[in-house]
Amino acid sequence: MKTSSIALTLAAAAMASAQEEPYYNITTAPFYLVVTSEDGGVNDTISACHVGAAIESLCLSNAGAGDAPEPLAGAEFQFNTSIYSQAPEPSFGVPGILTWWLNTSTLDIPSSAAFGLDPTSNLATFTLSPGSDDATQLAFNSQDELTLQAYVPGENYTGSYQEFYRWYACDTSYSSYQYNNLVWGLGAGKPDNPTCVSVNVTRVFV
């Protein structure tokens, strides 16, 4: 009952926010996120795994972990951009946010993906929660690969925008449950979690 109450409270806040004109007002068709490693050891889709009240982690569908150890169906995501946004470089994709609908017994709650930082780790978790105020801005390149765009300063003010692909599939834990989640590497160094495998994340439209 407590979980349902919290979920409904979060849903009400998300719906109230949705009553306003959304900034991210262009939505793609639904798609799956496919995760692959260079050696072929990882080849899976991404699912939404419950980790808290109306909060889901982005886990590998066939990892057999969490509170639902059986394989999960791949989640259907969408990507929201804005009429007010443009790509920082002509060859780059327009930045936006990754979105997903949390289905409940009473209503569907719009949710978006955001990085969660841990000051003791060089990895950022990736979770879905109601609303879009805290969403992390991402993009897709011309090959439909999920990327993060950032400005990199250079010498004598000669910086440029670059695309980064620091995705990993890593074993993580929440409470007493174990997950194999999609996470982001902070910086170019090796992840401090020895279970991490470097992966590409590609969208495949439904």
N, C-alpha and C. Protein backbone atom coordinates (compact mmCIF):
# COMPACT_ATOMS: atom_id res chain seq x y z
N MET A 1 0.83 -1.20 0.00
CA MET A 1 0.00 0.00 0.00
C MET A 1 0.87 1.26 0.00
N LYS A 2 1.97 1.20 0.81
CA LYS A 2 2.85 2.36 0.88
C LYS A 2 3.48 2.63 -0.47
N THR A 3 3.93 1.55 -1.14
CA THR A 3 4.55 1.71 -2.46
C THR A 3 3.57 2.31 -3.45
N SER A 4 2.32 1.83 -3.42
CA SER A 4 1.30 2.36 -4.32
C SER A 4 1.04 3.83 -4.06
N SER A 5 1.02 4.20 -2.78
CA SER A 5 0.79 5.60 -2.42
C SER A 5 1.90 6.50 -2.95
N ILE A 6 3.14 6.04 -2.78
CA ILE A 6 4.28 6.82 -3.27
C ILE A 6 4.23 6.93 -4.78
N ALA A 7 3.91 5.82 -5.44
CA ALA A 7 3.84 5.83 -6.90
C ALA A 7 2.78 6.79 -7.39
N LEU A 8 1.63 6.81 -6.72
CA LEU A 8 0.55 7.71 -7.13
C LEU A 8 0.94 9.17 -6.90
N THR A 9 1.66 9.43 -5.80
CA THR A 9 2.13 10.79 -5.54
C THR A 9 3.08 11.26 -6.63
N LEU A 10 4.01 10.38 -7.00
CA LEU A 10 4.95 10.71 -8.07
C LEU A 10 4.23 10.87 -9.39
N ALA A 11 3.23 10.04 -9.61
CA ALA A 11 2.46 10.13 -10.85
C ALA A 11 1.72 11.45 -10.93
N ALA A 12 1.15 11.88 -9.80
CA ALA A 12 0.43 13.15 -9.78
C ALA A 12 1.36 14.31 -10.12
N ALA A 13 2.58 14.26 -9.57
CA ALA A 13 3.55 15.31 -9.86
C ALA A 13 3.94 15.30 -11.33
N ALA A 14 4.13 14.10 -11.88
CA ALA A 14 4.49 13.99 -13.29
C ALA A 14 3.37 14.49 -14.18
N MET A 15 2.13 14.15 -13.83
CA MET A 15 0.99 14.56 -14.65
C MET A 15 0.78 16.07 -14.57
N ALA A 16 1.02 16.65 -13.38
CA ALA A 16 0.89 18.10 -13.23
C ALA A 16 1.90 18.81 -14.10
N SER A 17 3.13 18.25 -14.13
CA SER A 17 4.16 18.83 -14.98
C SER A 17 3.78 18.71 -16.45
N ALA A 18 3.13 17.59 -16.80
CA ALA A 18 2.76 17.36 -18.19
C ALA A 18 1.67 18.31 -18.67
N GLN A 19 0.94 18.92 -17.73
CA GLN A 19 -0.10 19.86 -18.13
C GLN A 19 0.49 21.10 -18.77
N GLU A 20 1.74 21.42 -18.40
CA GLU A 20 2.42 22.55 -18.99
C GLU A 20 2.94 22.15 -20.37
N GLU A 21 3.22 23.15 -21.19
CA GLU A 21 3.79 22.87 -22.51
C GLU A 21 5.17 22.24 -22.33
N PRO A 22 5.37 21.00 -22.74
CA PRO A 22 6.66 20.34 -22.51
C PRO A 22 7.75 20.93 -23.40
N TYR A 23 8.95 21.00 -22.85
CA TYR A 23 10.09 21.47 -23.65
C TYR A 23 10.44 20.42 -24.70
N TYR A 24 10.48 19.15 -24.28
CA TYR A 24 10.79 18.07 -25.21
C TYR A 24 9.49 17.62 -25.86
N ASN A 25 9.13 18.26 -26.97
CA ASN A 25 7.80 18.11 -27.55
C ASN A 25 7.77 17.35 -28.88
N ILE A 26 8.86 16.70 -29.24
CA ILE A 26 8.90 15.84 -30.43
C ILE A 26 9.26 14.43 -29.98
N THR A 27 8.40 13.46 -30.27
CA THR A 27 8.58 12.10 -29.77
C THR A 27 8.72 11.12 -30.93
N THR A 28 9.71 10.24 -30.84
CA THR A 28 9.91 9.23 -31.87
C THR A 28 8.92 8.07 -31.70
N ALA A 29 8.92 7.19 -32.68
CA ALA A 29 8.21 5.92 -32.55
C ALA A 29 8.93 5.07 -31.50
N PRO A 30 8.24 4.08 -30.92
CA PRO A 30 8.88 3.22 -29.91
C PRO A 30 10.03 2.40 -30.51
N PHE A 31 11.00 2.09 -29.66
CA PHE A 31 12.13 1.27 -30.09
C PHE A 31 12.67 0.47 -28.91
N TYR A 32 13.43 -0.57 -29.25
CA TYR A 32 14.17 -1.34 -28.25
C TYR A 32 15.61 -0.81 -28.21
N LEU A 33 16.26 -1.00 -27.08
CA LEU A 33 17.69 -0.72 -26.97
C LEU A 33 18.42 -2.05 -26.94
N VAL A 34 19.32 -2.23 -27.90
CA VAL A 34 20.09 -3.47 -28.02
C VAL A 34 21.52 -3.20 -27.56
N VAL A 35 22.01 -4.05 -26.68
CA VAL A 35 23.33 -3.89 -26.08
C VAL A 35 24.24 -5.00 -26.58
N THR A 36 25.39 -4.64 -27.14
CA THR A 36 26.33 -5.63 -27.66
C THR A 36 27.75 -5.28 -27.26
N SER A 37 28.55 -6.31 -27.02
CA SER A 37 29.97 -6.12 -26.75
C SER A 37 30.78 -6.52 -27.98
N GLU A 38 32.00 -6.04 -28.05
CA GLU A 38 32.83 -6.30 -29.23
C GLU A 38 33.12 -7.78 -29.42
N ASP A 39 33.26 -8.52 -28.31
CA ASP A 39 33.59 -9.95 -28.42
C ASP A 39 32.36 -10.84 -28.57
N GLY A 40 31.17 -10.24 -28.58
CA GLY A 40 29.95 -11.02 -28.73
C GLY A 40 29.45 -11.64 -27.44
N GLY A 41 30.16 -11.44 -26.34
CA GLY A 41 29.74 -12.02 -25.07
C GLY A 41 28.47 -11.41 -24.53
N VAL A 42 28.21 -10.16 -24.91
CA VAL A 42 26.97 -9.49 -24.52
C VAL A 42 26.19 -9.19 -25.79
N ASN A 43 24.97 -9.68 -25.84
CA ASN A 43 24.07 -9.43 -26.97
C ASN A 43 22.65 -9.55 -26.42
N ASP A 44 22.08 -8.43 -26.04
CA ASP A 44 20.84 -8.47 -25.28
C ASP A 44 20.05 -7.19 -25.51
N THR A 45 18.82 -7.19 -25.03
CA THR A 45 18.02 -5.96 -25.01
C THR A 45 18.02 -5.40 -23.60
N ILE A 46 17.51 -4.19 -23.48
CA ILE A 46 17.41 -3.53 -22.17
C ILE A 46 15.96 -3.60 -21.69
N SER A 47 15.80 -3.93 -20.41
CA SER A 47 14.49 -3.94 -19.76
C SER A 47 14.49 -2.94 -18.62
N ALA A 48 13.30 -2.66 -18.11
CA ALA A 48 13.15 -1.80 -16.94
C ALA A 48 12.99 -2.69 -15.72
N CYS A 49 13.96 -2.66 -14.80
CA CYS A 49 13.94 -3.51 -13.61
C CYS A 49 13.60 -2.67 -12.38
N HIS A 50 12.60 -3.11 -11.64
CA HIS A 50 12.13 -2.37 -10.48
C HIS A 50 13.20 -2.31 -9.39
N VAL A 51 13.52 -1.10 -8.92
CA VAL A 51 14.46 -0.93 -7.81
C VAL A 51 13.91 -0.06 -6.69
N GLY A 52 12.75 0.56 -6.90
CA GLY A 52 12.16 1.42 -5.88
C GLY A 52 10.80 1.90 -6.33
N ALA A 53 10.15 2.71 -5.51
CA ALA A 53 8.82 3.21 -5.83
C ALA A 53 8.86 4.05 -7.10
N ALA A 54 8.30 3.51 -8.18
CA ALA A 54 8.24 4.17 -9.49
C ALA A 54 9.63 4.44 -10.06
N ILE A 55 10.63 3.70 -9.62
CA ILE A 55 12.00 3.85 -10.11
C ILE A 55 12.47 2.51 -10.68
N GLU A 56 13.02 2.57 -11.88
CA GLU A 56 13.51 1.37 -12.56
C GLU A 56 14.95 1.57 -12.99
N SER A 57 15.73 0.51 -12.91
CA SER A 57 17.07 0.55 -13.50
C SER A 57 16.99 -0.01 -14.92
N LEU A 58 17.98 0.31 -15.72
CA LEU A 58 18.05 -0.22 -17.08
C LEU A 58 18.92 -1.46 -17.04
N CYS A 59 18.26 -2.62 -17.00
CA CYS A 59 18.97 -3.88 -16.84
C CYS A 59 18.95 -4.69 -18.13
N LEU A 60 19.87 -5.64 -18.24
CA LEU A 60 19.89 -6.53 -19.39
C LEU A 60 18.76 -7.55 -19.26
N SER A 61 18.02 -7.74 -20.32
CA SER A 61 16.78 -8.52 -20.27
C SER A 61 16.98 -9.96 -19.83
N ASN A 62 18.10 -10.57 -20.21
CA ASN A 62 18.31 -11.99 -19.93
C ASN A 62 19.32 -12.24 -18.83
N ALA A 63 19.57 -11.24 -18.00
CA ALA A 63 20.56 -11.39 -16.94
C ALA A 63 20.07 -12.28 -15.81
N GLY A 64 18.73 -12.43 -15.67
CA GLY A 64 18.19 -13.28 -14.62
C GLY A 64 18.53 -12.79 -13.24
N ALA A 65 18.29 -11.51 -12.98
CA ALA A 65 18.66 -10.92 -11.70
C ALA A 65 17.54 -10.06 -11.16
N GLY A 66 17.76 -9.50 -9.99
CA GLY A 66 16.76 -8.63 -9.38
C GLY A 66 15.64 -9.42 -8.75
N ASP A 67 14.48 -8.78 -8.58
CA ASP A 67 13.35 -9.47 -7.94
C ASP A 67 12.54 -10.28 -8.94
N ALA A 68 12.98 -10.33 -10.21
CA ALA A 68 12.32 -11.13 -11.25
C ALA A 68 13.41 -11.88 -12.01
N PRO A 69 13.92 -13.01 -11.45
CA PRO A 69 15.08 -13.68 -12.05
C PRO A 69 14.84 -14.30 -13.42
N GLU A 70 13.59 -14.43 -13.85
CA GLU A 70 13.31 -14.95 -15.18
C GLU A 70 13.62 -13.89 -16.23
N PRO A 71 13.94 -14.29 -17.48
CA PRO A 71 14.18 -13.31 -18.55
C PRO A 71 13.00 -12.36 -18.71
N LEU A 72 13.30 -11.11 -18.99
CA LEU A 72 12.28 -10.08 -19.13
C LEU A 72 12.12 -9.68 -20.59
N ALA A 73 10.96 -9.15 -20.91
CA ALA A 73 10.74 -8.60 -22.25
C ALA A 73 11.53 -7.30 -22.38
N GLY A 74 12.04 -7.06 -23.57
CA GLY A 74 12.72 -5.79 -23.81
C GLY A 74 11.76 -4.63 -23.66
N ALA A 75 12.20 -3.58 -22.99
CA ALA A 75 11.35 -2.40 -22.80
C ALA A 75 11.26 -1.59 -24.09
N GLU A 76 10.10 -0.98 -24.30
CA GLU A 76 9.92 -0.09 -25.44
C GLU A 76 10.14 1.35 -24.99
N PHE A 77 11.17 1.96 -25.55
CA PHE A 77 11.52 3.34 -25.21
C PHE A 77 11.10 4.28 -26.32
N GLN A 78 11.15 5.57 -26.02
CA GLN A 78 11.00 6.62 -27.03
C GLN A 78 12.06 7.68 -26.76
N PHE A 79 12.30 8.51 -27.76
CA PHE A 79 13.29 9.58 -27.61
C PHE A 79 12.61 10.90 -27.90
N ASN A 80 12.69 11.80 -26.94
CA ASN A 80 12.03 13.10 -27.06
C ASN A 80 13.05 14.20 -27.30
N THR A 81 12.84 14.95 -28.38
CA THR A 81 13.65 16.13 -28.66
C THR A 81 12.74 17.36 -28.64
N SER A 82 13.30 18.50 -28.98
CA SER A 82 12.55 19.75 -28.88
C SER A 82 12.67 20.57 -30.16
N ILE A 83 11.60 21.29 -30.46
CA ILE A 83 11.66 22.21 -31.60
C ILE A 83 12.65 23.34 -31.32
N TYR A 84 13.04 23.49 -30.06
CA TYR A 84 13.96 24.56 -29.68
C TYR A 84 15.42 24.10 -29.69
N SER A 85 15.66 22.82 -29.97
CA SER A 85 17.02 22.27 -29.92
C SER A 85 17.56 22.01 -31.32
N GLN A 86 18.87 22.00 -31.42
CA GLN A 86 19.53 21.63 -32.66
C GLN A 86 20.83 20.91 -32.34
N ALA A 87 21.33 20.15 -33.29
CA ALA A 87 22.57 19.42 -33.09
C ALA A 87 23.74 20.40 -32.98
N PRO A 88 24.71 20.13 -32.09
CA PRO A 88 25.85 21.04 -31.94
C PRO A 88 26.80 21.02 -33.13
N GLU A 89 26.76 19.95 -33.91
CA GLU A 89 27.56 19.83 -35.13
C GLU A 89 26.67 19.26 -36.23
N PRO A 90 26.91 19.61 -37.49
CA PRO A 90 26.04 19.14 -38.58
C PRO A 90 25.90 17.63 -38.66
N SER A 91 26.95 16.89 -38.31
CA SER A 91 26.91 15.42 -38.42
C SER A 91 26.36 14.74 -37.17
N PHE A 92 26.05 15.52 -36.13
CA PHE A 92 25.56 14.95 -34.88
C PHE A 92 24.04 14.86 -34.87
N GLY A 93 23.51 14.00 -34.01
CA GLY A 93 22.08 13.93 -33.81
C GLY A 93 21.60 15.04 -32.89
N VAL A 94 20.32 15.36 -32.97
CA VAL A 94 19.74 16.37 -32.09
C VAL A 94 19.63 15.78 -30.69
N PRO A 95 20.11 16.48 -29.66
CA PRO A 95 20.03 15.95 -28.30
C PRO A 95 18.61 15.93 -27.77
N GLY A 96 18.36 15.02 -26.85
CA GLY A 96 17.04 14.91 -26.25
C GLY A 96 17.10 14.00 -25.04
N ILE A 97 15.96 13.43 -24.66
CA ILE A 97 15.90 12.58 -23.47
C ILE A 97 15.27 11.23 -23.81
N LEU A 98 15.73 10.20 -23.11
CA LEU A 98 15.21 8.85 -23.27
C LEU A 98 13.99 8.70 -22.36
N THR A 99 12.86 8.27 -22.92
CA THR A 99 11.63 8.20 -22.15
C THR A 99 11.01 6.80 -22.20
N TRP A 100 10.14 6.55 -21.21
CA TRP A 100 9.51 5.23 -21.05
C TRP A 100 8.24 5.42 -20.24
N TRP A 101 7.26 4.57 -20.49
CA TRP A 101 5.99 4.66 -19.76
C TRP A 101 5.91 3.56 -18.71
N LEU A 102 5.71 3.98 -17.46
CA LEU A 102 5.49 3.04 -16.36
C LEU A 102 4.01 2.71 -16.31
N ASN A 103 3.67 1.46 -16.57
CA ASN A 103 2.27 1.03 -16.57
C ASN A 103 1.85 0.59 -15.18
N THR A 104 0.80 1.20 -14.64
CA THR A 104 0.25 0.81 -13.35
C THR A 104 -1.20 0.38 -13.55
N SER A 105 -1.82 -0.07 -12.48
CA SER A 105 -3.20 -0.54 -12.57
C SER A 105 -4.19 0.59 -12.80
N THR A 106 -3.77 1.83 -12.52
CA THR A 106 -4.69 2.96 -12.64
C THR A 106 -4.35 3.93 -13.76
N LEU A 107 -3.06 4.08 -14.07
CA LEU A 107 -2.67 5.01 -15.12
C LEU A 107 -1.26 4.70 -15.59
N ASP A 108 -0.88 5.29 -16.73
CA ASP A 108 0.47 5.16 -17.26
C ASP A 108 1.25 6.42 -16.91
N ILE A 109 2.43 6.24 -16.34
CA ILE A 109 3.21 7.36 -15.83
C ILE A 109 4.39 7.63 -16.77
N PRO A 110 4.51 8.85 -17.33
CA PRO A 110 5.66 9.16 -18.18
C PRO A 110 6.93 9.27 -17.34
N SER A 111 7.97 8.56 -17.76
CA SER A 111 9.23 8.55 -17.03
C SER A 111 10.38 8.84 -17.99
N SER A 112 11.51 9.24 -17.43
CA SER A 112 12.68 9.53 -18.26
C SER A 112 13.94 9.04 -17.56
N ALA A 113 15.01 8.90 -18.33
CA ALA A 113 16.26 8.32 -17.83
C ALA A 113 17.24 9.40 -17.38
N ALA A 114 17.94 9.10 -16.29
CA ALA A 114 18.91 10.05 -15.76
C ALA A 114 20.07 9.29 -15.12
N PHE A 115 21.24 9.90 -15.15
CA PHE A 115 22.40 9.34 -14.46
C PHE A 115 22.30 9.64 -12.97
N GLY A 116 22.71 8.67 -12.17
CA GLY A 116 22.83 8.87 -10.73
C GLY A 116 24.29 8.74 -10.34
N LEU A 117 24.84 9.74 -9.68
CA LEU A 117 26.26 9.77 -9.37
C LEU A 117 26.54 9.22 -7.98
N ASP A 118 27.62 8.45 -7.87
CA ASP A 118 28.10 7.93 -6.60
C ASP A 118 29.51 8.47 -6.41
N PRO A 119 29.74 9.30 -5.38
CA PRO A 119 31.06 9.92 -5.21
C PRO A 119 32.18 8.93 -4.93
N THR A 120 31.85 7.67 -4.63
CA THR A 120 32.88 6.67 -4.36
C THR A 120 33.18 5.80 -5.58
N SER A 121 32.55 6.09 -6.71
CA SER A 121 32.71 5.25 -7.90
C SER A 121 32.96 6.11 -9.13
N ASN A 122 33.61 5.53 -10.14
CA ASN A 122 33.77 6.23 -11.41
C ASN A 122 32.73 5.76 -12.43
N LEU A 123 31.60 5.27 -11.92
CA LEU A 123 30.48 4.85 -12.76
C LEU A 123 29.22 5.57 -12.33
N ALA A 124 28.37 5.87 -13.29
CA ALA A 124 27.08 6.49 -13.01
C ALA A 124 25.98 5.48 -13.33
N THR A 125 25.09 5.27 -12.37
CA THR A 125 23.94 4.40 -12.64
C THR A 125 22.99 5.10 -13.60
N PHE A 126 22.09 4.34 -14.19
CA PHE A 126 21.17 4.88 -15.19
C PHE A 126 19.78 4.39 -14.82
N THR A 127 18.90 5.29 -14.38
CA THR A 127 17.59 4.88 -13.90
C THR A 127 16.48 5.69 -14.55
N LEU A 128 15.27 5.13 -14.48
CA LEU A 128 14.06 5.78 -14.98
C LEU A 128 13.21 6.21 -13.80
N SER A 129 12.69 7.44 -13.85
CA SER A 129 11.81 7.93 -12.80
C SER A 129 10.79 8.88 -13.41
N PRO A 130 9.65 9.12 -12.73
CA PRO A 130 8.59 9.96 -13.30
C PRO A 130 9.05 11.38 -13.61
N GLY A 131 8.48 11.95 -14.67
CA GLY A 131 8.79 13.32 -15.06
C GLY A 131 10.01 13.41 -15.94
N SER A 132 10.43 14.64 -16.23
CA SER A 132 11.59 14.86 -17.10
C SER A 132 12.51 15.96 -16.60
N ASP A 133 12.22 16.53 -15.44
CA ASP A 133 13.01 17.66 -14.95
C ASP A 133 14.48 17.30 -14.73
N ASP A 134 14.75 16.07 -14.30
CA ASP A 134 16.13 15.67 -13.98
C ASP A 134 16.74 14.77 -15.04
N ALA A 135 16.11 14.66 -16.19
CA ALA A 135 16.59 13.74 -17.23
C ALA A 135 17.96 14.14 -17.75
N THR A 136 18.76 13.14 -18.10
CA THR A 136 20.07 13.38 -18.70
C THR A 136 19.92 13.53 -20.21
N GLN A 137 20.55 14.54 -20.77
CA GLN A 137 20.45 14.79 -22.20
C GLN A 137 21.39 13.86 -22.96
N LEU A 138 20.84 13.13 -23.92
CA LEU A 138 21.57 12.16 -24.72
C LEU A 138 21.33 12.44 -26.19
N ALA A 139 21.84 11.56 -27.06
CA ALA A 139 21.60 11.71 -28.50
C ALA A 139 21.83 10.36 -29.17
N PHE A 140 21.37 10.25 -30.41
CA PHE A 140 21.67 9.09 -31.24
C PHE A 140 22.45 9.57 -32.45
N ASN A 141 23.48 8.79 -32.83
CA ASN A 141 24.24 9.16 -34.02
C ASN A 141 23.56 8.63 -35.27
N SER A 142 24.20 8.78 -36.41
CA SER A 142 23.59 8.38 -37.68
C SER A 142 23.42 6.87 -37.82
N GLN A 143 24.11 6.09 -36.95
CA GLN A 143 23.95 4.63 -36.95
C GLN A 143 23.00 4.18 -35.84
N ASP A 144 22.27 5.12 -35.26
CA ASP A 144 21.31 4.84 -34.19
C ASP A 144 21.98 4.35 -32.91
N GLU A 145 23.24 4.71 -32.70
CA GLU A 145 23.93 4.36 -31.46
C GLU A 145 23.72 5.47 -30.44
N LEU A 146 23.45 5.06 -29.20
CA LEU A 146 23.22 6.01 -28.12
C LEU A 146 24.54 6.63 -27.68
N THR A 147 24.57 7.94 -27.58
CA THR A 147 25.80 8.66 -27.27
C THR A 147 25.51 9.85 -26.37
N LEU A 148 26.56 10.39 -25.82
CA LEU A 148 26.48 11.61 -25.03
C LEU A 148 27.38 12.65 -25.69
N GLN A 149 26.84 13.82 -25.96
CA GLN A 149 27.60 14.89 -26.60
C GLN A 149 28.10 15.88 -25.54
N ALA A 150 29.33 16.33 -25.71
CA ALA A 150 29.87 17.29 -24.75
C ALA A 150 30.92 18.16 -25.43
N TYR A 151 31.05 19.38 -24.92
CA TYR A 151 32.07 20.30 -25.43
C TYR A 151 33.38 20.01 -24.72
N VAL A 152 34.44 19.83 -25.49
CA VAL A 152 35.76 19.54 -24.94
C VAL A 152 36.67 20.73 -25.21
N PRO A 153 37.11 21.45 -24.17
CA PRO A 153 37.97 22.61 -24.38
C PRO A 153 39.31 22.23 -25.00
N GLY A 154 39.84 23.11 -25.84
CA GLY A 154 41.15 22.91 -26.43
C GLY A 154 42.06 24.07 -26.07
N GLU A 155 43.24 24.07 -26.63
CA GLU A 155 44.17 25.17 -26.39
C GLU A 155 43.75 26.41 -27.16
N ASN A 156 43.97 27.55 -26.56
CA ASN A 156 43.67 28.83 -27.21
C ASN A 156 42.23 28.91 -27.70
N TYR A 157 41.32 28.42 -26.86
CA TYR A 157 39.88 28.52 -27.16
C TYR A 157 39.50 27.79 -28.46
N THR A 158 40.14 26.65 -28.70
CA THR A 158 39.86 25.90 -29.93
C THR A 158 39.13 24.60 -29.63
N GLY A 159 38.27 24.61 -28.65
CA GLY A 159 37.54 23.40 -28.29
C GLY A 159 36.51 23.01 -29.33
N SER A 160 35.93 21.83 -29.16
CA SER A 160 34.92 21.34 -30.09
C SER A 160 33.99 20.37 -29.38
N TYR A 161 32.83 20.15 -29.97
CA TYR A 161 31.91 19.14 -29.44
C TYR A 161 32.34 17.76 -29.90
N GLN A 162 32.21 16.80 -29.01
CA GLN A 162 32.55 15.42 -29.33
C GLN A 162 31.44 14.49 -28.86
N GLU A 163 31.41 13.28 -29.44
CA GLU A 163 30.46 12.25 -29.02
C GLU A 163 31.20 11.20 -28.19
N PHE A 164 30.60 10.80 -27.09
CA PHE A 164 31.22 9.82 -26.20
C PHE A 164 30.34 8.57 -26.10
N TYR A 165 31.03 7.42 -25.96
CA TYR A 165 30.33 6.12 -25.91
C TYR A 165 30.91 5.30 -24.75
N ARG A 166 30.68 5.72 -23.56
CA ARG A 166 31.26 5.08 -22.38
C ARG A 166 30.24 4.20 -21.66
N TRP A 167 29.56 3.37 -22.43
CA TRP A 167 28.55 2.49 -21.86
C TRP A 167 29.18 1.18 -21.41
N TYR A 168 28.68 0.67 -20.28
CA TYR A 168 29.14 -0.62 -19.75
C TYR A 168 27.95 -1.42 -19.25
N ALA A 169 28.07 -2.74 -19.33
CA ALA A 169 27.15 -3.65 -18.65
C ALA A 169 27.88 -4.16 -17.41
N CYS A 170 27.32 -3.87 -16.24
CA CYS A 170 28.01 -4.19 -14.99
C CYS A 170 27.06 -4.85 -14.00
N ASP A 171 27.61 -5.75 -13.19
CA ASP A 171 26.84 -6.31 -12.07
C ASP A 171 26.75 -5.25 -10.98
N THR A 172 25.54 -4.98 -10.54
CA THR A 172 25.32 -4.01 -9.48
C THR A 172 24.35 -4.63 -8.47
N SER A 173 24.19 -3.96 -7.33
CA SER A 173 23.27 -4.47 -6.32
C SER A 173 22.39 -3.34 -5.81
N TYR A 174 21.19 -3.71 -5.42
CA TYR A 174 20.26 -2.78 -4.80
C TYR A 174 19.53 -3.55 -3.72
N SER A 175 19.68 -3.11 -2.47
CA SER A 175 19.14 -3.85 -1.34
C SER A 175 19.76 -5.24 -1.38
N SER A 176 18.96 -6.28 -1.38
CA SER A 176 19.50 -7.65 -1.40
C SER A 176 19.49 -8.25 -2.80
N TYR A 177 19.15 -7.45 -3.81
CA TYR A 177 19.03 -7.96 -5.17
C TYR A 177 20.26 -7.61 -6.01
N GLN A 178 20.57 -8.51 -6.94
CA GLN A 178 21.67 -8.31 -7.86
C GLN A 178 21.12 -8.05 -9.27
N TYR A 179 21.77 -7.14 -9.98
CA TYR A 179 21.34 -6.78 -11.33
C TYR A 179 22.55 -6.73 -12.25
N ASN A 180 22.28 -6.89 -13.54
CA ASN A 180 23.29 -6.60 -14.56
C ASN A 180 22.76 -5.40 -15.33
N ASN A 181 23.30 -4.24 -15.03
CA ASN A 181 22.72 -2.98 -15.49
C ASN A 181 23.58 -2.27 -16.52
N LEU A 182 22.92 -1.41 -17.27
CA LEU A 182 23.61 -0.49 -18.16
C LEU A 182 24.05 0.71 -17.33
N VAL A 183 25.35 1.02 -17.36
CA VAL A 183 25.88 2.15 -16.61
C VAL A 183 26.78 2.98 -17.51
N TRP A 184 27.17 4.14 -17.01
CA TRP A 184 28.00 5.07 -17.77
C TRP A 184 29.33 5.27 -17.06
N GLY A 185 30.43 5.22 -17.82
CA GLY A 185 31.74 5.45 -17.25
C GLY A 185 32.06 6.93 -17.14
N LEU A 186 32.47 7.35 -15.96
CA LEU A 186 32.83 8.75 -15.73
C LEU A 186 34.32 8.92 -16.01
N GLY A 187 34.64 9.56 -17.10
CA GLY A 187 36.02 9.71 -17.51
C GLY A 187 36.48 8.56 -18.38
N ALA A 188 37.71 8.68 -18.87
CA ALA A 188 38.23 7.70 -19.83
C ALA A 188 38.90 6.51 -19.18
N GLY A 189 38.98 6.49 -17.84
CA GLY A 189 39.68 5.41 -17.16
C GLY A 189 38.89 4.12 -17.11
N LYS A 190 39.56 3.06 -16.67
CA LYS A 190 38.95 1.75 -16.53
C LYS A 190 37.95 1.76 -15.38
N PRO A 191 36.77 1.15 -15.54
CA PRO A 191 35.79 1.13 -14.46
C PRO A 191 36.35 0.45 -13.21
N ASP A 192 35.98 0.96 -12.03
CA ASP A 192 36.47 0.35 -10.80
C ASP A 192 35.66 -0.89 -10.41
N ASN A 193 34.61 -1.19 -11.17
CA ASN A 193 33.84 -2.42 -10.98
C ASN A 193 34.40 -3.48 -11.93
N PRO A 194 35.03 -4.54 -11.41
CA PRO A 194 35.70 -5.52 -12.28
C PRO A 194 34.75 -6.33 -13.16
N THR A 195 33.45 -6.28 -12.90
CA THR A 195 32.50 -7.05 -13.72
C THR A 195 32.08 -6.32 -14.99
N CYS A 196 32.48 -5.07 -15.14
CA CYS A 196 31.99 -4.25 -16.25
C CYS A 196 32.55 -4.71 -17.60
N VAL A 197 31.68 -4.69 -18.59
CA VAL A 197 32.05 -5.01 -19.97
C VAL A 197 31.64 -3.83 -20.85
N SER A 198 32.56 -3.34 -21.67
CA SER A 198 32.25 -2.22 -22.56
C SER A 198 31.24 -2.67 -23.62
N VAL A 199 30.21 -1.85 -23.83
CA VAL A 199 29.15 -2.22 -24.78
C VAL A 199 28.76 -1.03 -25.65
N ASN A 200 28.18 -1.33 -26.79
CA ASN A 200 27.49 -0.34 -27.61
C ASN A 200 25.99 -0.48 -27.36
N VAL A 201 25.28 0.64 -27.45
CA VAL A 201 23.83 0.66 -27.24
C VAL A 201 23.19 1.22 -28.51
N THR A 202 22.37 0.41 -29.16
CA THR A 202 21.77 0.78 -30.44
C THR A 202 20.26 0.65 -30.36
N ARG A 203 19.55 1.60 -30.96
CA ARG A 203 18.09 1.49 -30.97
C ARG A 203 17.63 0.74 -32.23
N VAL A 204 16.61 -0.07 -32.03
CA VAL A 204 15.97 -0.82 -33.11
C VAL A 204 14.47 -0.55 -33.00
N PHE A 205 13.91 0.12 -33.99
CA PHE A 205 12.51 0.52 -33.90
C PHE A 205 11.59 -0.70 -33.95
N VAL A 206 10.52 -0.61 -33.19
CA VAL A 206 9.55 -1.69 -33.08
C VAL A 206 8.83 -1.88 -34.41
